[in-house]
Amino acid sequence: MLDKIAHRLLSTAYTLLKRNEYKAILDAQMAPGIRRRTELDMRKLRETS
């Protein structure tokens, strides 16, 4: 629950600050199923979005 609140808060802040690249990184880090840095590859995530 706390993760969801933190994600929403940071996502909103990055959107308001027009920091879309930071929001994209945050969304990738907080995606369901990703719990380790080794599972996160922004190059692959950018290709799919």
C-alpha atoms as a PDB file:
ATOM      1  CA  MET A   1       0.000   0.000   0.000  1.00  0.00           C
ATOM      2  CA  LEU A   2       2.784   2.406   0.879  1.00  0.00           C
ATOM      3  CA  ASP A   3       4.521   1.632  -2.428  1.00  0.00           C
ATOM      4  CA  LYS A   4       1.382   2.605  -4.337  1.00  0.00           C
ATOM      5  CA  ILE A   5       1.052   5.885  -2.446  1.00  0.00           C
ATOM      6  CA  ALA A   6       4.722   6.730  -2.984  1.00  0.00           C
ATOM      7  CA  HIS A   7       4.454   5.871  -6.675  1.00  0.00           C
ATOM      8  CA  ARG A   8       1.385   8.076  -7.149  1.00  0.00           C
ATOM      9  CA  LEU A   9       2.959  10.964  -5.264  1.00  0.00           C
ATOM     10  CA  LEU A  10       6.241  10.840  -7.168  1.00  0.00           C
ATOM     11  CA  SER A  11       4.484  10.272 -10.483  1.00  0.00           C
ATOM     12  CA  THR A  12       2.293  13.323  -9.938  1.00  0.00           C
ATOM     13  CA  ALA A  13       5.268  15.437  -8.868  1.00  0.00           C
ATOM     14  CA  TYR A  14       7.301  14.478 -11.944  1.00  0.00           C
ATOM     15  CA  THR A  15       4.325  15.193 -14.190  1.00  0.00           C
ATOM     16  CA  LEU A  16       3.791  18.635 -12.645  1.00  0.00           C
ATOM     17  CA  LEU A  17       7.511  19.398 -12.954  1.00  0.00           C
ATOM     18  CA  LYS A  18       7.424  18.246 -16.601  1.00  0.00           C
ATOM     19  CA  ARG A  19      10.045  15.585 -15.895  1.00  0.00           C
ATOM     20  CA  ASN A  20       8.580  12.875 -18.107  1.00  0.00           C
ATOM     21  CA  GLU A  21      11.878  10.995 -18.371  1.00  0.00           C
ATOM     22  CA  TYR A  22      11.987  10.636 -14.575  1.00  0.00           C
ATOM     23  CA  LYS A  23       8.352   9.535 -14.543  1.00  0.00           C
ATOM     24  CA  ALA A  24       9.137   6.842 -17.129  1.00  0.00           C
ATOM     25  CA  ILE A  25      11.993   5.532 -14.981  1.00  0.00           C
ATOM     26  CA  LEU A  26       9.786   5.558 -11.889  1.00  0.00           C
ATOM     27  CA  ASP A  27       7.006   3.707 -13.716  1.00  0.00           C
ATOM     28  CA  ALA A  28       9.492   1.075 -14.861  1.00  0.00           C
ATOM     29  CA  GLN A  29      10.942   0.647 -11.377  1.00  0.00           C
ATOM     30  CA  MET A  30       7.524   0.317  -9.780  1.00  0.00           C
ATOM     31  CA  ALA A  31       6.069  -2.016 -12.407  1.00  0.00           C
ATOM     32  CA  PRO A  32       4.467  -5.166 -11.012  1.00  0.00           C
ATOM     33  CA  GLY A  33       6.893  -8.057 -10.862  1.00  0.00           C
ATOM     34  CA  ILE A  34      10.087  -5.988 -11.005  1.00  0.00           C
ATOM     35  CA  ARG A  35      11.836  -6.198  -7.669  1.00  0.00           C
ATOM     36  CA  ARG A  36      15.511  -6.210  -8.604  1.00  0.00           C
ATOM     37  CA  ARG A  37      17.607  -3.735 -10.503  1.00  0.00           C
ATOM     38  CA  THR A  38      18.892  -6.559 -12.722  1.00  0.00           C
ATOM     39  CA  GLU A  39      15.342  -7.129 -13.974  1.00  0.00           C
ATOM     40  CA  LEU A  40      15.048  -3.508 -15.098  1.00  0.00           C
ATOM     41  CA  ASP A  41      16.259  -2.591 -18.575  1.00  0.00           C
ATOM     42  CA  MET A  42      15.011   0.793 -19.770  1.00  0.00           C
ATOM     43  CA  ARG A  43      16.078   0.035 -23.349  1.00  0.00           C
ATOM     44  CA  LYS A  44      13.649  -2.870 -23.502  1.00  0.00           C
ATOM     45  CA  LEU A  45      10.893  -0.912 -21.775  1.00  0.00           C
ATOM     46  CA  ARG A  46      11.249   2.023 -24.182  1.00  0.00           C
ATOM     47  CA  GLU A  47      10.915  -0.312 -27.167  1.00  0.00           C
ATOM     48  CA  THR A  48       7.578  -1.626 -25.921  1.00  0.00           C
ATOM     49  CA  SER A  49       6.051   1.738 -25.033  1.00  0.00           C
END
